[in-house]
């Protein structure tokens, strides 16, 4: 028989393992999000807070390519969700 969720939570290591898994999943995302505001071209040195990279994506010379890529991703995702 399958265990109910309340029985699984009584397992002595459930909370630490759950927290460890969540940290391992979300820590890289948080680090990438923080460093996306870095002014430096290097990812190892913090050059200060900047929106420069977002400006390049939305208004830079290559903005049209990013918009096409985003549209392609959204259309593929919607087709996959429908079918």
PDB file of N, CA and C in Angstrom:
ATOM      1  N   UNK A   1       0.830  -1.194   0.000  1.00  0.00           N
ATOM      2  CA  UNK A   1       0.000   0.000   0.000  1.00  0.00           C
ATOM      3  C   UNK A   1       0.867   1.247   0.000  1.00  0.00           C
ATOM      4  N   UNK A   2       0.376   2.255  -0.608  1.00  0.00           N
ATOM      5  CA  UNK A   2       1.079   3.542  -0.608  1.00  0.00           C
ATOM      6  C   UNK A   2       0.883   4.240   0.730  1.00  0.00           C
ATOM      7  N   UNK A   3       1.918   4.939   1.139  1.00  0.00           N
ATOM      8  CA  UNK A   3       1.821   5.665   2.402  1.00  0.00           C
ATOM      9  C   UNK A   3       1.095   6.985   2.187  1.00  0.00           C
ATOM     10  N   UNK A   4       0.361   7.397   3.197  1.00  0.00           N
ATOM     11  CA  UNK A   4      -0.288   8.701   3.104  1.00  0.00           C
ATOM     12  C   UNK A   4       0.747   9.788   3.342  1.00  0.00           C
ATOM     13  N   UNK A   5       0.410  11.004   2.960  1.00  0.00           N
ATOM     14  CA  UNK A   5       1.367  12.105   3.090  1.00  0.00           C
ATOM     15  C   UNK A   5       1.712  12.397   4.544  1.00  0.00           C
ATOM     16  N   UNK A   6       0.785  12.173   5.451  1.00  0.00           N
ATOM     17  CA  UNK A   6       1.081  12.430   6.865  1.00  0.00           C
ATOM     18  C   UNK A   6       2.097  11.431   7.406  1.00  0.00           C
ATOM     19  N   UNK A   7       2.094  10.198   6.905  1.00  0.00           N
ATOM     20  CA  UNK A   7       3.073   9.208   7.339  1.00  0.00           C
ATOM     21  C   UNK A   7       4.458   9.538   6.796  1.00  0.00           C
ATOM     22  N   UNK A   8       4.534  10.043   5.598  1.00  0.00           N
ATOM     23  CA  UNK A   8       5.821  10.405   5.002  1.00  0.00           C
ATOM     24  C   UNK A   8       6.444  11.562   5.769  1.00  0.00           C
ATOM     25  N   UNK A   9       5.663  12.502   6.206  1.00  0.00           N
ATOM     26  CA  UNK A   9       6.187  13.656   6.941  1.00  0.00           C
ATOM     27  C   UNK A   9       6.747  13.266   8.304  1.00  0.00           C
ATOM     28  N   UNK A  10       6.351  12.132   8.819  1.00  0.00           N
ATOM     29  CA  UNK A  10       6.868  11.677  10.116  1.00  0.00           C
ATOM     30  C   UNK A  10       8.253  11.061   9.992  1.00  0.00           C
ATOM     31  N   UNK A  11       8.702  10.787   8.789  1.00  0.00           N
ATOM     32  CA  UNK A  11      10.042  10.251   8.568  1.00  0.00           C
ATOM     33  C   UNK A  11      11.053  11.229   9.155  1.00  0.00           C
ATOM     34  N   UNK A  12      12.028  10.759   9.960  1.00  0.00           N
ATOM     35  CA  UNK A  12      12.914  11.676  10.688  1.00  0.00           C
ATOM     36  C   UNK A  12      13.726  12.622   9.804  1.00  0.00           C
ATOM     37  N   UNK A  13      14.084  12.212   8.614  1.00  0.00           N
ATOM     38  CA  UNK A  13      14.900  13.077   7.772  1.00  0.00           C
ATOM     39  C   UNK A  13      14.131  13.816   6.699  1.00  0.00           C
ATOM     40  N   UNK A  14      12.813  13.818   6.789  1.00  0.00           N
ATOM     41  CA  UNK A  14      12.002  14.419   5.728  1.00  0.00           C
ATOM     42  C   UNK A  14      12.263  15.913   5.562  1.00  0.00           C
ATOM     43  N   UNK A  15      12.227  16.671   6.633  1.00  0.00           N
ATOM     44  CA  UNK A  15      12.396  18.123   6.547  1.00  0.00           C
ATOM     45  C   UNK A  15      13.792  18.523   6.064  1.00  0.00           C
ATOM     46  N   UNK A  16      14.875  17.963   6.614  1.00  0.00           N
ATOM     47  CA  UNK A  16      16.201  18.362   6.110  1.00  0.00           C
ATOM     48  C   UNK A  16      16.424  17.994   4.645  1.00  0.00           C
ATOM     49  N   UNK A  17      15.941  16.830   4.240  1.00  0.00           N
ATOM     50  CA  UNK A  17      16.109  16.418   2.844  1.00  0.00           C
ATOM     51  C   UNK A  17      15.290  17.314   1.929  1.00  0.00           C
ATOM     52  N   UNK A  18      14.093  17.666   2.345  1.00  0.00           N
ATOM     53  CA  UNK A  18      13.255  18.560   1.553  1.00  0.00           C
ATOM     54  C   UNK A  18      13.902  19.928   1.399  1.00  0.00           C
ATOM     55  N   UNK A  19      14.424  20.472   2.484  1.00  0.00           N
ATOM     56  CA  UNK A  19      15.085  21.782   2.431  1.00  0.00           C
ATOM     57  C   UNK A  19      16.321  21.720   1.547  1.00  0.00           C
ATOM     58  N   UNK A  20      17.116  20.658   1.664  1.00  0.00           N
ATOM     59  CA  UNK A  20      18.308  20.506   0.832  1.00  0.00           C
ATOM     60  C   UNK A  20      17.946  20.445  -0.646  1.00  0.00           C
ATOM     61  N   UNK A  21      16.918  19.688  -0.982  1.00  0.00           N
ATOM     62  CA  UNK A  21      16.486  19.596  -2.384  1.00  0.00           C
ATOM     63  C   UNK A  21      16.026  20.949  -2.912  1.00  0.00           C
ATOM     64  N   UNK A  22      15.267  21.681  -2.125  1.00  0.00           N
ATOM     65  CA  UNK A  22      14.795  22.993  -2.563  1.00  0.00           C
ATOM     66  C   UNK A  22      15.944  23.973  -2.743  1.00  0.00           C
ATOM     67  N   UNK A  23      16.922  23.934  -1.842  1.00  0.00           N
ATOM     68  CA  UNK A  23      18.091  24.814  -1.973  1.00  0.00           C
ATOM     69  C   UNK A  23      18.876  24.462  -3.229  1.00  0.00           C
ATOM     70  N   UNK A  24      19.079  23.167  -3.487  1.00  0.00           N
ATOM     71  CA  UNK A  24      19.825  22.754  -4.673  1.00  0.00           C
ATOM     72  C   UNK A  24      19.092  23.116  -5.965  1.00  0.00           C
ATOM     73  N   UNK A  25      17.780  23.146  -5.924  1.00  0.00           N
ATOM     74  CA  UNK A  25      17.010  23.508  -7.113  1.00  0.00           C
ATOM     75  C   UNK A  25      16.974  25.017  -7.351  1.00  0.00           C
ATOM     76  N   UNK A  26      16.776  25.785  -6.287  1.00  0.00           N
ATOM     77  CA  UNK A  26      16.534  27.211  -6.450  1.00  0.00           C
ATOM     78  C   UNK A  26      17.764  28.093  -6.301  1.00  0.00           C
ATOM     79  N   UNK A  27      18.812  27.645  -5.650  1.00  0.00           N
ATOM     80  CA  UNK A  27      20.014  28.478  -5.474  1.00  0.00           C
ATOM     81  C   UNK A  27      20.633  28.904  -6.806  1.00  0.00           C
ATOM     82  N   UNK A  28      20.801  28.010  -7.784  1.00  0.00           N
ATOM     83  CA  UNK A  28      21.356  28.466  -9.069  1.00  0.00           C
ATOM     84  C   UNK A  28      20.479  29.509  -9.762  1.00  0.00           C
ATOM     85  N   UNK A  29      19.171  29.363  -9.649  1.00  0.00           N
ATOM     86  CA  UNK A  29      18.277  30.344 -10.265  1.00  0.00           C
ATOM     87  C   UNK A  29      18.421  31.711  -9.617  1.00  0.00           C
ATOM     88  N   UNK A  30      18.531  31.733  -8.309  1.00  0.00           N
ATOM     89  CA  UNK A  30      18.690  32.997  -7.587  1.00  0.00           C
ATOM     90  C   UNK A  30      20.028  33.637  -7.930  1.00  0.00           C
ATOM     91  N   UNK A  31      21.084  32.839  -8.018  1.00  0.00           N
ATOM     92  CA  UNK A  31      22.407  33.375  -8.348  1.00  0.00           C
ATOM     93  C   UNK A  31      22.411  33.967  -9.750  1.00  0.00           C
ATOM     94  N   UNK A  32      21.821  33.277 -10.709  1.00  0.00           N
ATOM     95  CA  UNK A  32      21.754  33.806 -12.078  1.00  0.00           C
ATOM     96  C   UNK A  32      20.935  35.086 -12.111  1.00  0.00           C
ATOM     97  N   UNK A  33      19.836  35.119 -11.364  1.00  0.00           N
ATOM     98  CA  UNK A  33      19.009  36.322 -11.324  1.00  0.00           C
ATOM     99  C   UNK A  33      19.788  37.504 -10.753  1.00  0.00           C
ATOM    100  N   UNK A  34      20.530  37.284  -9.680  1.00  0.00           N
ATOM    101  CA  UNK A  34      21.317  38.361  -9.074  1.00  0.00           C
ATOM    102  C   UNK A  34      22.400  38.839 -10.033  1.00  0.00           C
ATOM    103  N   UNK A  35      23.122  37.909 -10.642  1.00  0.00           N
ATOM    104  CA  UNK A  35      24.212  38.297 -11.535  1.00  0.00           C
ATOM    105  C   UNK A  35      23.724  38.856 -12.866  1.00  0.00           C
ATOM    106  N   UNK A  36      22.455  38.726 -13.171  1.00  0.00           N
ATOM    107  CA  UNK A  36      21.949  39.348 -14.393  1.00  0.00           C
ATOM    108  C   UNK A  36      21.920  40.866 -14.276  1.00  0.00           C
ATOM    109  N   UNK A  37      22.024  41.383 -13.055  1.00  0.00           N
ATOM    110  CA  UNK A  37      22.077  42.826 -12.834  1.00  0.00           C
ATOM    111  C   UNK A  37      23.512  43.328 -12.668  1.00  0.00           C
ATOM    112  N   UNK A  38      24.501  42.485 -12.922  1.00  0.00           N
ATOM    113  CA  UNK A  38      25.905  42.848 -12.779  1.00  0.00           C
ATOM    114  C   UNK A  38      26.341  43.714 -13.955  1.00  0.00           C
ATOM    115  N   UNK A  39      27.070  44.778 -13.682  1.00  0.00           N
ATOM    116  CA  UNK A  39      27.549  45.665 -14.736  1.00  0.00           C
ATOM    117  C   UNK A  39      28.788  45.111 -15.432  1.00  0.00           C
ATOM    118  N   UNK A  40      29.531  44.254 -14.763  1.00  0.00           N
ATOM    119  CA  UNK A  40      30.771  43.720 -15.302  1.00  0.00           C
ATOM    120  C   UNK A  40      30.495  42.641 -16.345  1.00  0.00           C
ATOM    121  N   UNK A  41      31.399  42.505 -17.310  1.00  0.00           N
ATOM    122  CA  UNK A  41      31.280  41.430 -18.294  1.00  0.00           C
ATOM    123  C   UNK A  41      31.693  40.092 -17.689  1.00  0.00           C
ATOM    124  N   UNK A  42      32.459  40.142 -16.602  1.00  0.00           N
ATOM    125  CA  UNK A  42      32.917  38.931 -15.924  1.00  0.00           C
ATOM    126  C   UNK A  42      31.877  38.490 -14.898  1.00  0.00           C
ATOM    127  N   UNK A  43      31.655  37.192 -14.818  1.00  0.00           N
ATOM    128  CA  UNK A  43      30.690  36.702 -13.832  1.00  0.00           C
ATOM    129  C   UNK A  43      31.324  36.485 -12.470  1.00  0.00           C
ATOM    130  N   UNK A  44      32.651  36.621 -12.386  1.00  0.00           N
ATOM    131  CA  UNK A  44      33.314  36.412 -11.100  1.00  0.00           C
ATOM    132  C   UNK A  44      33.499  37.705 -10.322  1.00  0.00           C
ATOM    133  N   UNK A  45      33.463  38.842 -10.995  1.00  0.00           N
ATOM    134  CA  UNK A  45      33.649  40.131 -10.335  1.00  0.00           C
ATOM    135  C   UNK A  45      32.357  40.930 -10.396  1.00  0.00           C
ATOM    136  N   UNK A  46      31.971  41.489  -9.271  1.00  0.00           N
ATOM    137  CA  UNK A  46      30.775  42.328  -9.239  1.00  0.00           C
ATOM    138  C   UNK A  46      31.169  43.738  -9.638  1.00  0.00           C
ATOM    139  N   UNK A  47      30.584  44.257 -10.687  1.00  0.00           N
ATOM    140  CA  UNK A  47      30.917  45.587 -11.176  1.00  0.00           C
ATOM    141  C   UNK A  47      29.905  46.646 -10.800  1.00  0.00           C
ATOM    142  N   UNK A  48      28.923  46.304 -10.004  1.00  0.00           N
ATOM    143  CA  UNK A  48      27.890  47.250  -9.621  1.00  0.00           C
ATOM    144  C   UNK A  48      26.560  46.892 -10.254  1.00  0.00           C
ATOM    145  N   UNK A  49      25.513  47.522  -9.763  1.00  0.00           N
ATOM    146  CA  UNK A  49      24.158  47.259 -10.249  1.00  0.00           C
ATOM    147  C   UNK A  49      23.938  47.957 -11.581  1.00  0.00           C
ATOM    148  N   UNK A  50      23.349  47.243 -12.531  1.00  0.00           N
ATOM    149  CA  UNK A  50      23.089  47.825 -13.841  1.00  0.00           C
ATOM    150  C   UNK A  50      21.955  47.072 -14.533  1.00  0.00           C
ATOM    151  N   UNK A  51      21.222  47.788 -15.356  1.00  0.00           N
ATOM    152  CA  UNK A  51      20.205  47.177 -16.213  1.00  0.00           C
ATOM    153  C   UNK A  51      20.697  47.083 -17.657  1.00  0.00           C
ATOM    154  N   UNK A  52      22.002  47.184 -17.829  1.00  0.00           N
ATOM    155  CA  UNK A  52      22.614  47.220 -19.156  1.00  0.00           C
ATOM    156  C   UNK A  52      22.260  45.999 -19.997  1.00  0.00           C
ATOM    157  N   UNK A  53      22.309  44.826 -19.413  1.00  0.00           N
ATOM    158  CA  UNK A  53      22.060  43.607 -20.179  1.00  0.00           C
ATOM    159  C   UNK A  53      20.595  43.510 -20.594  1.00  0.00           C
ATOM    160  N   UNK A  54      19.706  43.982 -19.749  1.00  0.00           N
ATOM    161  CA  UNK A  54      18.290  43.982 -20.119  1.00  0.00           C
ATOM    162  C   UNK A  54      18.017  45.017 -21.206  1.00  0.00           C
ATOM    163  N   UNK A  55      18.713  46.133 -21.143  1.00  0.00           N
ATOM    164  CA  UNK A  55      18.585  47.141 -22.200  1.00  0.00           C
ATOM    165  C   UNK A  55      19.052  46.570 -23.532  1.00  0.00           C
ATOM    166  N   UNK A  56      20.146  45.818 -23.522  1.00  0.00           N
ATOM    167  CA  UNK A  56      20.633  45.195 -24.751  1.00  0.00           C
ATOM    168  C   UNK A  56      19.627  44.201 -25.317  1.00  0.00           C
ATOM    169  N   UNK A  57      18.985  43.449 -24.449  1.00  0.00           N
ATOM    170  CA  UNK A  57      18.028  42.447 -24.914  1.00  0.00           C
ATOM    171  C   UNK A  57      16.796  43.103 -25.521  1.00  0.00           C
ATOM    172  N   UNK A  58      16.262  44.128 -24.865  1.00  0.00           N
ATOM    173  CA  UNK A  58      14.997  44.704 -25.311  1.00  0.00           C
ATOM    174  C   UNK A  58      15.143  45.842 -26.312  1.00  0.00           C
ATOM    175  N   UNK A  59      16.259  46.582 -26.267  1.00  0.00           N
ATOM    176  CA  UNK A  59      16.392  47.758 -27.126  1.00  0.00           C
ATOM    177  C   UNK A  59      17.689  47.801 -27.923  1.00  0.00           C
ATOM    178  N   UNK A  60      18.554  46.813 -27.780  1.00  0.00           N
ATOM    179  CA  UNK A  60      19.852  46.824 -28.436  1.00  0.00           C
ATOM    180  C   UNK A  60      19.770  46.443 -29.907  1.00  0.00           C
ATOM    181  N   UNK A  61      20.949  46.303 -30.499  1.00  0.00           N
ATOM    182  CA  UNK A  61      21.031  45.969 -31.918  1.00  0.00           C
ATOM    183  C   UNK A  61      20.469  44.582 -32.223  1.00  0.00           C
ATOM    184  N   UNK A  62      20.578  43.683 -31.283  1.00  0.00           N
ATOM    185  CA  UNK A  62      20.117  42.312 -31.484  1.00  0.00           C
ATOM    186  C   UNK A  62      18.710  42.076 -30.929  1.00  0.00           C
ATOM    187  N   UNK A  63      17.998  43.117 -30.581  1.00  0.00           N
ATOM    188  CA  UNK A  63      16.684  42.978 -29.943  1.00  0.00           C
ATOM    189  C   UNK A  63      15.692  42.224 -30.826  1.00  0.00           C
ATOM    190  N   UNK A  64      15.750  42.442 -32.123  1.00  0.00           N
ATOM    191  CA  UNK A  64      14.818  41.768 -33.026  1.00  0.00           C
ATOM    192  C   UNK A  64      14.998  40.253 -32.973  1.00  0.00           C
ATOM    193  N   UNK A  65      16.239  39.806 -32.883  1.00  0.00           N
ATOM    194  CA  UNK A  65      16.495  38.365 -32.808  1.00  0.00           C
ATOM    195  C   UNK A  65      15.952  37.774 -31.510  1.00  0.00           C
ATOM    196  N   UNK A  66      16.089  38.505 -30.407  1.00  0.00           N
ATOM    197  CA  UNK A  66      15.558  38.026 -29.137  1.00  0.00           C
ATOM    198  C   UNK A  66      14.036  37.970 -29.173  1.00  0.00           C
ATOM    199  N   UNK A  67      13.415  38.945 -29.806  1.00  0.00           N
ATOM    200  CA  UNK A  67      11.953  38.948 -29.905  1.00  0.00           C
ATOM    201  C   UNK A  67      11.459  37.780 -30.754  1.00  0.00           C
ATOM    202  N   UNK A  68      12.155  37.493 -31.842  1.00  0.00           N
ATOM    203  CA  UNK A  68      11.785  36.349 -32.682  1.00  0.00           C
ATOM    204  C   UNK A  68      11.950  35.044 -31.912  1.00  0.00           C
ATOM    205  N   UNK A  69      13.050  34.924 -31.170  1.00  0.00           N
ATOM    206  CA  UNK A  69      13.285  33.711 -30.377  1.00  0.00           C
ATOM    207  C   UNK A  69      12.220  33.547 -29.299  1.00  0.00           C
ATOM    208  N   UNK A  70      11.840  34.637 -28.645  1.00  0.00           N
ATOM    209  CA  UNK A  70      10.802  34.568 -27.615  1.00  0.00           C
ATOM    210  C   UNK A  70       9.461  34.173 -28.232  1.00  0.00           C
ATOM    211  N   UNK A  71       9.137  34.738 -29.376  1.00  0.00           N
ATOM    212  CA  UNK A  71       7.885  34.396 -30.051  1.00  0.00           C
ATOM    213  C   UNK A  71       7.879  32.923 -30.461  1.00  0.00           C
ATOM    214  N   UNK A  72       9.003  32.430 -30.991  1.00  0.00           N
ATOM    215  CA  UNK A  72       9.097  31.016 -31.354  1.00  0.00           C
ATOM    216  C   UNK A  72       8.905  30.121 -30.135  1.00  0.00           C
ATOM    217  N   UNK A  73       9.528  30.474 -29.026  1.00  0.00           N
ATOM    218  CA  UNK A  73       9.393  29.681 -27.802  1.00  0.00           C
ATOM    219  C   UNK A  73       7.952  29.664 -27.306  1.00  0.00           C
ATOM    220  N   UNK A  74       7.300  30.822 -27.320  1.00  0.00           N
ATOM    221  CA  UNK A  74       5.908  30.889 -26.868  1.00  0.00           C
ATOM    222  C   UNK A  74       4.973  30.111 -27.787  1.00  0.00           C
ATOM    223  N   UNK A  75       5.196  30.183 -29.085  1.00  0.00           N
ATOM    224  CA  UNK A  75       4.324  29.459 -30.009  1.00  0.00           C
ATOM    225  C   UNK A  75       4.526  27.952 -29.883  1.00  0.00           C
ATOM    226  N   UNK A  76       5.767  27.502 -29.728  1.00  0.00           N
ATOM    227  CA  UNK A  76       6.019  26.072 -29.540  1.00  0.00           C
ATOM    228  C   UNK A  76       5.419  25.592 -28.222  1.00  0.00           C
ATOM    229  N   UNK A  77       5.560  26.386 -27.167  1.00  0.00           N
ATOM    230  CA  UNK A  77       4.996  26.007 -25.868  1.00  0.00           C
ATOM    231  C   UNK A  77       3.478  25.928 -25.927  1.00  0.00           C
ATOM    232  N   UNK A  78       2.849  26.869 -26.605  1.00  0.00           N
ATOM    233  CA  UNK A  78       1.387  26.840 -26.693  1.00  0.00           C
ATOM    234  C   UNK A  78       0.913  25.661 -27.539  1.00  0.00           C
ATOM    235  N   UNK A  79       1.617  25.352 -28.613  1.00  0.00           N
ATOM    236  CA  UNK A  79       1.250  24.186 -29.428  1.00  0.00           C
ATOM    237  C   UNK A  79       1.429  22.891 -28.636  1.00  0.00           C
ATOM    238  N   UNK A  80       2.496  22.818 -27.856  1.00  0.00           N
ATOM    239  CA  UNK A  80       2.717  21.619 -27.042  1.00  0.00           C
ATOM    240  C   UNK A  80       1.647  21.486 -25.965  1.00  0.00           C
ATOM    241  N   UNK A  81       1.188  22.603 -25.425  1.00  0.00           N
ATOM    242  CA  UNK A  81       0.159  22.557 -24.390  1.00  0.00           C
ATOM    243  C   UNK A  81      -1.198  22.178 -24.969  1.00  0.00           C
ATOM    244  N   UNK A  82      -1.461  22.584 -26.193  1.00  0.00           N
ATOM    245  CA  UNK A  82      -2.754  22.298 -26.822  1.00  0.00           C
ATOM    246  C   UNK A  82      -2.852  20.835 -27.235  1.00  0.00           C
ATOM    247  N   UNK A  83      -1.764  20.301 -27.785  1.00  0.00           N
ATOM    248  CA  UNK A  83      -1.828  18.923 -28.303  1.00  0.00           C
ATOM    249  C   UNK A  83      -1.539  17.887 -27.270  1.00  0.00           C
TER     250      UNK A  83
END
